[in-house]
Amino acid sequence: MSEARERIFAAVRNSLGRGRLDSDREAELRARIAAHRRNLVPARATALDERGRVELFIAMAEEVQATVTRVGSPAAVPEAPAR
């Protein structure tokens, strides 16, 4: 782990009023993280194809007043937020 990252974690631990985890607790948490399913798709989207999931994402984003911009290619992504 980098020195900077270790300082950040130490500051977080300090703010929580605790020190480093003991090795048993650390091993338990690492096992829990390793067992977590990756790329979980919520039930509301399991029956949708990719286009349907994109449309669902857009609809949900706009419900919370997010702005969604579609671009024609990945190359156009950097300039979209500037507009």
PDB file of N, CA and C in Angstrom:
ATOM      1  N   MET A   1       0.857  -1.174   0.000  1.00  0.00           N
ATOM      2  CA  MET A   1       0.000   0.000   0.000  1.00  0.00           C
ATOM      3  C   MET A   1       0.901   1.235   0.000  1.00  0.00           C
ATOM      4  N   SER A   2       0.512   2.247  -0.742  1.00  0.00           N
ATOM      5  CA  SER A   2       1.331   3.452  -0.817  1.00  0.00           C
ATOM      6  C   SER A   2       1.300   4.190   0.523  1.00  0.00           C
ATOM      7  N   GLU A   3       2.325   4.970   0.728  1.00  0.00           N
ATOM      8  CA  GLU A   3       2.413   5.747   1.969  1.00  0.00           C
ATOM      9  C   GLU A   3       1.253   6.736   2.079  1.00  0.00           C
ATOM     10  N   ALA A   4       0.902   7.382   0.971  1.00  0.00           N
ATOM     11  CA  ALA A   4      -0.197   8.352   0.985  1.00  0.00           C
ATOM     12  C   ALA A   4      -1.515   7.660   1.334  1.00  0.00           C
ATOM     13  N   ARG A   5      -1.747   6.497   0.737  1.00  0.00           N
ATOM     14  CA  ARG A   5      -2.979   5.764   1.020  1.00  0.00           C
ATOM     15  C   ARG A   5      -3.034   5.331   2.489  1.00  0.00           C
ATOM     16  N   GLU A   6      -1.913   4.872   3.009  1.00  0.00           N
ATOM     17  CA  GLU A   6      -1.857   4.476   4.409  1.00  0.00           C
ATOM     18  C   GLU A   6      -2.136   5.663   5.325  1.00  0.00           C
ATOM     19  N   ARG A   7      -1.636   6.844   4.982  1.00  0.00           N
ATOM     20  CA  ARG A   7      -1.928   8.045   5.797  1.00  0.00           C
ATOM     21  C   ARG A   7      -3.417   8.366   5.777  1.00  0.00           C
ATOM     22  N   ILE A   8      -4.040   8.221   4.615  1.00  0.00           N
ATOM     23  CA  ILE A   8      -5.480   8.492   4.507  1.00  0.00           C
ATOM     24  C   ILE A   8      -6.260   7.516   5.380  1.00  0.00           C
ATOM     25  N   PHE A   9      -5.928   6.218   5.265  1.00  0.00           N
ATOM     26  CA  PHE A   9      -6.623   5.228   6.089  1.00  0.00           C
ATOM     27  C   PHE A   9      -6.373   5.463   7.576  1.00  0.00           C
ATOM     28  N   ALA A  10      -5.162   5.849   7.937  1.00  0.00           N
ATOM     29  CA  ALA A  10      -4.859   6.134   9.343  1.00  0.00           C
ATOM     30  C   ALA A  10      -5.704   7.301   9.840  1.00  0.00           C
ATOM     31  N   ALA A  11      -5.884   8.323   9.009  1.00  0.00           N
ATOM     32  CA  ALA A  11      -6.717   9.464   9.400  1.00  0.00           C
ATOM     33  C   ALA A  11      -8.168   9.047   9.581  1.00  0.00           C
ATOM     34  N   VAL A  12      -8.657   8.167   8.704  1.00  0.00           N
ATOM     35  CA  VAL A  12     -10.035   7.675   8.832  1.00  0.00           C
ATOM     36  C   VAL A  12     -10.177   6.872  10.130  1.00  0.00           C
ATOM     37  N   ARG A  13      -9.229   5.954  10.368  1.00  0.00           N
ATOM     38  CA  ARG A  13      -9.276   5.165  11.606  1.00  0.00           C
ATOM     39  C   ARG A  13      -9.240   6.073  12.826  1.00  0.00           C
ATOM     40  N   ASN A  14      -8.383   7.088  12.785  1.00  0.00           N
ATOM     41  CA  ASN A  14      -8.270   8.024  13.894  1.00  0.00           C
ATOM     42  C   ASN A  14      -9.589   8.761  14.125  1.00  0.00           C
ATOM     43  N   SER A  15     -10.228   9.196  13.048  1.00  0.00           N
ATOM     44  CA  SER A  15     -11.506   9.918  13.191  1.00  0.00           C
ATOM     45  C   SER A  15     -12.601   9.018  13.745  1.00  0.00           C
ATOM     46  N   LEU A  16     -12.471   7.708  13.501  1.00  0.00           N
ATOM     47  CA  LEU A  16     -13.435   6.743  14.039  1.00  0.00           C
ATOM     48  C   LEU A  16     -13.072   6.294  15.449  1.00  0.00           C
ATOM     49  N   GLY A  17     -11.919   6.734  15.914  1.00  0.00           N
ATOM     50  CA  GLY A  17     -11.493   6.398  17.264  1.00  0.00           C
ATOM     51  C   GLY A  17     -11.044   4.953  17.411  1.00  0.00           C
ATOM     52  N   ARG A  18     -10.441   4.404  16.403  1.00  0.00           N
ATOM     53  CA  ARG A  18      -9.956   3.020  16.490  1.00  0.00           C
ATOM     54  C   ARG A  18      -8.650   2.875  15.737  1.00  0.00           C
ATOM     55  N   GLY A  19      -7.955   1.794  16.012  1.00  0.00           N
ATOM     56  CA  GLY A  19      -6.690   1.505  15.357  1.00  0.00           C
ATOM     57  C   GLY A  19      -6.889   0.502  14.236  1.00  0.00           C
ATOM     58  N   ARG A  20      -5.777  -0.128  13.857  1.00  0.00           N
ATOM     59  CA  ARG A  20      -5.822  -1.142  12.794  1.00  0.00           C
ATOM     60  C   ARG A  20      -6.619  -2.348  13.276  1.00  0.00           C
ATOM     61  N   LEU A  21      -7.204  -3.079  12.336  1.00  0.00           N
ATOM     62  CA  LEU A  21      -7.923  -4.306  12.654  1.00  0.00           C
ATOM     63  C   LEU A  21      -6.946  -5.402  13.036  1.00  0.00           C
ATOM     64  N   ASP A  22      -7.391  -6.295  13.931  1.00  0.00           N
ATOM     65  CA  ASP A  22      -6.546  -7.446  14.210  1.00  0.00           C
ATOM     66  C   ASP A  22      -6.611  -8.383  13.005  1.00  0.00           C
ATOM     67  N   SER A  23      -5.660  -9.296  12.907  1.00  0.00           N
ATOM     68  CA  SER A  23      -5.537 -10.126  11.706  1.00  0.00           C
ATOM     69  C   SER A  23      -6.761 -11.012  11.476  1.00  0.00           C
ATOM     70  N   ASP A  24      -7.419 -11.496  12.538  1.00  0.00           N
ATOM     71  CA  ASP A  24      -8.616 -12.326  12.363  1.00  0.00           C
ATOM     72  C   ASP A  24      -9.760 -11.523  11.754  1.00  0.00           C
ATOM     73  N   ARG A  25      -9.974 -10.332  12.267  1.00  0.00           N
ATOM     74  CA  ARG A  25     -11.059  -9.480  11.753  1.00  0.00           C
ATOM     75  C   ARG A  25     -10.762  -9.059  10.315  1.00  0.00           C
ATOM     76  N   GLU A  26      -9.505  -8.729  10.032  1.00  0.00           N
ATOM     77  CA  GLU A  26      -9.135  -8.352   8.666  1.00  0.00           C
ATOM     78  C   GLU A  26      -9.378  -9.514   7.702  1.00  0.00           C
ATOM     79  N   ALA A  27      -9.002 -10.721   8.088  1.00  0.00           N
ATOM     80  CA  ALA A  27      -9.217 -11.895   7.241  1.00  0.00           C
ATOM     81  C   ALA A  27     -10.704 -12.137   7.017  1.00  0.00           C
ATOM     82  N   GLU A  28     -11.506 -11.956   8.058  1.00  0.00           N
ATOM     83  CA  GLU A  28     -12.962 -12.126   7.942  1.00  0.00           C
ATOM     84  C   GLU A  28     -13.542 -11.139   6.939  1.00  0.00           C
ATOM     85  N   LEU A  29     -13.123  -9.891   7.018  1.00  0.00           N
ATOM     86  CA  LEU A  29     -13.639  -8.873   6.100  1.00  0.00           C
ATOM     87  C   LEU A  29     -13.163  -9.101   4.670  1.00  0.00           C
ATOM     88  N   ARG A  30     -11.907  -9.520   4.505  1.00  0.00           N
ATOM     89  CA  ARG A  30     -11.403  -9.805   3.151  1.00  0.00           C
ATOM     90  C   ARG A  30     -12.178 -10.958   2.515  1.00  0.00           C
ATOM     91  N   ALA A  31     -12.510 -11.981   3.315  1.00  0.00           N
ATOM     92  CA  ALA A  31     -13.293 -13.111   2.807  1.00  0.00           C
ATOM     93  C   ALA A  31     -14.694 -12.651   2.408  1.00  0.00           C
ATOM     94  N   ARG A  32     -15.275 -11.772   3.204  1.00  0.00           N
ATOM     95  CA  ARG A  32     -16.617 -11.252   2.899  1.00  0.00           C
ATOM     96  C   ARG A  32     -16.607 -10.458   1.588  1.00  0.00           C
ATOM     97  N   ILE A  33     -15.581  -9.652   1.403  1.00  0.00           N
ATOM     98  CA  ILE A  33     -15.466  -8.875   0.167  1.00  0.00           C
ATOM     99  C   ILE A  33     -15.264  -9.800  -1.029  1.00  0.00           C
ATOM    100  N   ALA A  34     -14.416 -10.816  -0.878  1.00  0.00           N
ATOM    101  CA  ALA A  34     -14.138 -11.747  -1.974  1.00  0.00           C
ATOM    102  C   ALA A  34     -15.375 -12.538  -2.372  1.00  0.00           C
ATOM    103  N   ALA A  35     -16.270 -12.807  -1.422  1.00  0.00           N
ATOM    104  CA  ALA A  35     -17.460 -13.598  -1.703  1.00  0.00           C
ATOM    105  C   ALA A  35     -18.586 -12.770  -2.321  1.00  0.00           C
ATOM    106  N   HIS A  36     -18.442 -11.436  -2.311  1.00  0.00           N
ATOM    107  CA  HIS A  36     -19.495 -10.566  -2.831  1.00  0.00           C
ATOM    108  C   HIS A  36     -19.631 -10.744  -4.330  1.00  0.00           C
ATOM    109  N   ARG A  37     -20.860 -10.842  -4.807  1.00  0.00           N
ATOM    110  CA  ARG A  37     -21.100 -10.995  -6.244  1.00  0.00           C
ATOM    111  C   ARG A  37     -20.709  -9.726  -6.984  1.00  0.00           C
ATOM    112  N   ARG A  38     -20.033  -9.893  -8.089  1.00  0.00           N
ATOM    113  CA  ARG A  38     -19.608  -8.764  -8.913  1.00  0.00           C
ATOM    114  C   ARG A  38     -20.680  -8.434  -9.948  1.00  0.00           C
ATOM    115  N   ASN A  39     -20.759  -7.157 -10.293  1.00  0.00           N
ATOM    116  CA  ASN A  39     -21.641  -6.687 -11.360  1.00  0.00           C
ATOM    117  C   ASN A  39     -23.083  -7.147 -11.194  1.00  0.00           C
ATOM    118  N   LEU A  40     -23.578  -7.013 -10.011  1.00  0.00           N
ATOM    119  CA  LEU A  40     -24.952  -7.388  -9.717  1.00  0.00           C
ATOM    120  C   LEU A  40     -25.915  -6.503 -10.513  1.00  0.00           C
ATOM    121  N   VAL A  41     -26.858  -7.116 -11.202  1.00  0.00           N
ATOM    122  CA  VAL A  41     -27.875  -6.378 -11.933  1.00  0.00           C
ATOM    123  C   VAL A  41     -29.146  -6.409 -11.078  1.00  0.00           C
ATOM    124  N   PRO A  42     -29.678  -5.242 -10.703  1.00  0.00           N
ATOM    125  CA  PRO A  42     -30.895  -5.224  -9.890  1.00  0.00           C
ATOM    126  C   PRO A  42     -32.038  -5.966 -10.575  1.00  0.00           C
ATOM    127  N   ALA A  43     -32.937  -6.526  -9.776  1.00  0.00           N
ATOM    128  CA  ALA A  43     -34.054  -7.322 -10.294  1.00  0.00           C
ATOM    129  C   ALA A  43     -34.868  -6.546 -11.328  1.00  0.00           C
ATOM    130  N   ARG A  44     -35.006  -5.237 -11.135  1.00  0.00           N
ATOM    131  CA  ARG A  44     -35.835  -4.450 -12.061  1.00  0.00           C
ATOM    132  C   ARG A  44     -35.262  -4.425 -13.469  1.00  0.00           C
ATOM    133  N   ALA A  45     -33.984  -4.798 -13.628  1.00  0.00           N
ATOM    134  CA  ALA A  45     -33.348  -4.725 -14.937  1.00  0.00           C
ATOM    135  C   ALA A  45     -32.998  -6.087 -15.515  1.00  0.00           C
ATOM    136  N   THR A  46     -33.241  -7.160 -14.792  1.00  0.00           N
ATOM    137  CA  THR A  46     -32.798  -8.472 -15.265  1.00  0.00           C
ATOM    138  C   THR A  46     -33.503  -8.915 -16.537  1.00  0.00           C
ATOM    139  N   ALA A  47     -34.738  -8.490 -16.746  1.00  0.00           N
ATOM    140  CA  ALA A  47     -35.477  -8.909 -17.931  1.00  0.00           C
ATOM    141  C   ALA A  47     -35.236  -7.987 -19.123  1.00  0.00           C
ATOM    142  N   LEU A  48     -34.406  -6.963 -18.948  1.00  0.00           N
ATOM    143  CA  LEU A  48     -34.174  -5.990 -20.009  1.00  0.00           C
ATOM    144  C   LEU A  48     -32.900  -6.302 -20.774  1.00  0.00           C
ATOM    145  N   ASP A  49     -32.896  -5.957 -22.053  1.00  0.00           N
ATOM    146  CA  ASP A  49     -31.663  -6.054 -22.828  1.00  0.00           C
ATOM    147  C   ASP A  49     -30.827  -4.807 -22.542  1.00  0.00           C
ATOM    148  N   GLU A  50     -29.670  -4.700 -23.169  1.00  0.00           N
ATOM    149  CA  GLU A  50     -28.782  -3.568 -22.884  1.00  0.00           C
ATOM    150  C   GLU A  50     -29.462  -2.226 -23.150  1.00  0.00           C
ATOM    151  N   ARG A  51     -30.156  -2.125 -24.282  1.00  0.00           N
ATOM    152  CA  ARG A  51     -30.838  -0.866 -24.604  1.00  0.00           C
ATOM    153  C   ARG A  51     -31.898  -0.536 -23.552  1.00  0.00           C
ATOM    154  N   GLY A  52     -32.633  -1.546 -23.102  1.00  0.00           N
ATOM    155  CA  GLY A  52     -33.649  -1.342 -22.067  1.00  0.00           C
ATOM    156  C   GLY A  52     -33.037  -0.874 -20.756  1.00  0.00           C
ATOM    157  N   ARG A  53     -31.866  -1.441 -20.388  1.00  0.00           N
ATOM    158  CA  ARG A  53     -31.192  -1.010 -19.163  1.00  0.00           C
ATOM    159  C   ARG A  53     -30.717   0.438 -19.284  1.00  0.00           C
ATOM    160  N   VAL A  54     -30.241   0.812 -20.472  1.00  0.00           N
ATOM    161  CA  VAL A  54     -29.828   2.206 -20.683  1.00  0.00           C
ATOM    162  C   VAL A  54     -31.036   3.128 -20.532  1.00  0.00           C
ATOM    163  N   GLU A  55     -32.144   2.767 -21.152  1.00  0.00           N
ATOM    164  CA  GLU A  55     -33.365   3.591 -21.056  1.00  0.00           C
ATOM    165  C   GLU A  55     -33.844   3.691 -19.606  1.00  0.00           C
ATOM    166  N   LEU A  56     -33.782   2.578 -18.870  1.00  0.00           N
ATOM    167  CA  LEU A  56     -34.171   2.591 -17.455  1.00  0.00           C
ATOM    168  C   LEU A  56     -33.248   3.517 -16.669  1.00  0.00           C
ATOM    169  N   PHE A  57     -31.940   3.424 -16.929  1.00  0.00           N
ATOM    170  CA  PHE A  57     -30.990   4.299 -16.249  1.00  0.00           C
ATOM    171  C   PHE A  57     -31.316   5.762 -16.515  1.00  0.00           C
ATOM    172  N   ILE A  58     -31.562   6.094 -17.783  1.00  0.00           N
ATOM    173  CA  ILE A  58     -31.874   7.482 -18.144  1.00  0.00           C
ATOM    174  C   ILE A  58     -33.142   7.944 -17.445  1.00  0.00           C
ATOM    175  N   ALA A  59     -34.170   7.121 -17.471  1.00  0.00           N
ATOM    176  CA  ALA A  59     -35.434   7.496 -16.820  1.00  0.00           C
ATOM    177  C   ALA A  59     -35.228   7.733 -15.327  1.00  0.00           C
ATOM    178  N   MET A  60     -34.493   6.848 -14.686  1.00  0.00           N
ATOM    179  CA  MET A  60     -34.272   7.005 -13.245  1.00  0.00           C
ATOM    180  C   MET A  60     -33.392   8.216 -12.947  1.00  0.00           C
ATOM    181  N   ALA A  61     -32.401   8.473 -13.792  1.00  0.00           N
ATOM    182  CA  ALA A  61     -31.537   9.641 -13.598  1.00  0.00           C
ATOM    183  C   ALA A  61     -32.340  10.927 -13.749  1.00  0.00           C
ATOM    184  N   GLU A  62     -33.201  10.969 -14.749  1.00  0.00           N
ATOM    185  CA  GLU A  62     -33.998  12.178 -14.970  1.00  0.00           C
ATOM    186  C   GLU A  62     -35.040  12.383 -13.880  1.00  0.00           C
ATOM    187  N   GLU A  63     -35.484  11.309 -13.232  1.00  0.00           N
ATOM    188  CA  GLU A  63     -36.418  11.441 -12.104  1.00  0.00           C
ATOM    189  C   GLU A  63     -35.801  12.204 -10.946  1.00  0.00           C
ATOM    190  N   VAL A  64     -34.490  12.155 -10.832  1.00  0.00           N
ATOM    191  CA  VAL A  64     -33.819  12.879  -9.760  1.00  0.00           C
ATOM    192  C   VAL A  64     -33.103  14.126 -10.299  1.00  0.00           C
ATOM    193  N   GLN A  65     -33.611  14.648 -11.392  1.00  0.00           N
ATOM    194  CA  GLN A  65     -33.156  15.882 -12.018  1.00  0.00           C
ATOM    195  C   GLN A  65     -31.709  15.839 -12.504  1.00  0.00           C
ATOM    196  N   ALA A  66     -31.213  14.660 -12.858  1.00  0.00           N
ATOM    197  CA  ALA A  66     -29.894  14.562 -13.488  1.00  0.00           C
ATOM    198  C   ALA A  66     -30.043  14.899 -14.966  1.00  0.00           C
ATOM    199  N   THR A  67     -28.994  15.398 -15.541  1.00  0.00           N
ATOM    200  CA  THR A  67     -28.982  15.696 -16.966  1.00  0.00           C
ATOM    201  C   THR A  67     -28.297  14.548 -17.694  1.00  0.00           C
ATOM    202  N   VAL A  68     -28.920  14.080 -18.749  1.00  0.00           N
ATOM    203  CA  VAL A  68     -28.367  12.980 -19.534  1.00  0.00           C
ATOM    204  C   VAL A  68     -28.145  13.480 -20.955  1.00  0.00           C
ATOM    205  N   THR A  69     -26.960  13.260 -21.459  1.00  0.00           N
ATOM    206  CA  THR A  69     -26.628  13.647 -22.826  1.00  0.00           C
ATOM    207  C   THR A  69     -26.147  12.423 -23.568  1.00  0.00           C
ATOM    208  N   ARG A  70     -26.716  12.179 -24.727  1.00  0.00           N
ATOM    209  CA  ARG A  70     -26.267  11.066 -25.562  1.00  0.00           C
ATOM    210  C   ARG A  70     -25.266  11.591 -26.576  1.00  0.00           C
ATOM    211  N   VAL A  71     -24.245  10.794 -26.799  1.00  0.00           N
ATOM    212  CA  VAL A  71     -23.231  11.158 -27.787  1.00  0.00           C
ATOM    213  C   VAL A  71     -23.124  10.031 -28.804  1.00  0.00           C
ATOM    214  N   GLY A  72     -22.587  10.359 -29.956  1.00  0.00           N
ATOM    215  CA  GLY A  72     -22.515   9.388 -31.039  1.00  0.00           C
ATOM    216  C   GLY A  72     -21.354   8.413 -30.957  1.00  0.00           C
ATOM    217  N   SER A  73     -20.336   8.766 -30.181  1.00  0.00           N
ATOM    218  CA  SER A  73     -19.173   7.886 -30.103  1.00  0.00           C
ATOM    219  C   SER A  73     -18.420   8.168 -28.804  1.00  0.00           C
ATOM    220  N   PRO A  74     -17.597   7.238 -28.375  1.00  0.00           N
ATOM    221  CA  PRO A  74     -16.791   7.482 -27.169  1.00  0.00           C
ATOM    222  C   PRO A  74     -15.888   8.716 -27.304  1.00  0.00           C
ATOM    223  N   ALA A  75     -15.458   9.010 -28.520  1.00  0.00           N
ATOM    224  CA  ALA A  75     -14.602  10.182 -28.737  1.00  0.00           C
ATOM    225  C   ALA A  75     -15.318  11.494 -28.404  1.00  0.00           C
ATOM    226  N   ALA A  76     -16.641  11.500 -28.466  1.00  0.00           N
ATOM    227  CA  ALA A  76     -17.405  12.709 -28.201  1.00  0.00           C
ATOM    228  C   ALA A  76     -17.680  12.937 -26.720  1.00  0.00           C
ATOM    229  N   VAL A  77     -17.344  11.965 -25.872  1.00  0.00           N
ATOM    230  CA  VAL A  77     -17.636  12.074 -24.437  1.00  0.00           C
ATOM    231  C   VAL A  77     -16.948  13.270 -23.784  1.00  0.00           C
ATOM    232  N   PRO A  78     -15.655  13.513 -23.962  1.00  0.00           N
ATOM    233  CA  PRO A  78     -14.999  14.607 -23.249  1.00  0.00           C
ATOM    234  C   PRO A  78     -15.608  15.986 -23.511  1.00  0.00           C
ATOM    235  N   GLU A  79     -16.102  16.215 -24.707  1.00  0.00           N
ATOM    236  CA  GLU A  79     -16.645  17.559 -24.998  1.00  0.00           C
ATOM    237  C   GLU A  79     -18.092  17.726 -24.532  1.00  0.00           C
ATOM    238  N   ALA A  80     -18.799  16.631 -24.282  1.00  0.00           N
ATOM    239  CA  ALA A  80     -20.209  16.732 -23.897  1.00  0.00           C
ATOM    240  C   ALA A  80     -20.423  17.508 -22.600  1.00  0.00           C
ATOM    241  N   PRO A  81     -19.687  17.245 -21.523  1.00  0.00           N
ATOM    242  CA  PRO A  81     -19.907  18.027 -20.297  1.00  0.00           C
ATOM    243  C   PRO A  81     -19.548  19.506 -20.460  1.00  0.00           C
ATOM    244  N   ALA A  82     -18.634  19.788 -21.360  1.00  0.00           N
ATOM    245  CA  ALA A  82     -18.241  21.191 -21.575  1.00  0.00           C
ATOM    246  C   ALA A  82     -19.390  22.002 -22.157  1.00  0.00           C
ATOM    247  N   ARG A  83     -20.261  21.329 -22.910  1.00  0.00           N
ATOM    248  CA  ARG A  83     -21.419  22.031 -23.481  1.00  0.00           C
ATOM    249  C   ARG A  83     -22.408  22.313 -22.386  1.00  0.00           C
TER     250      ARG A  83
END
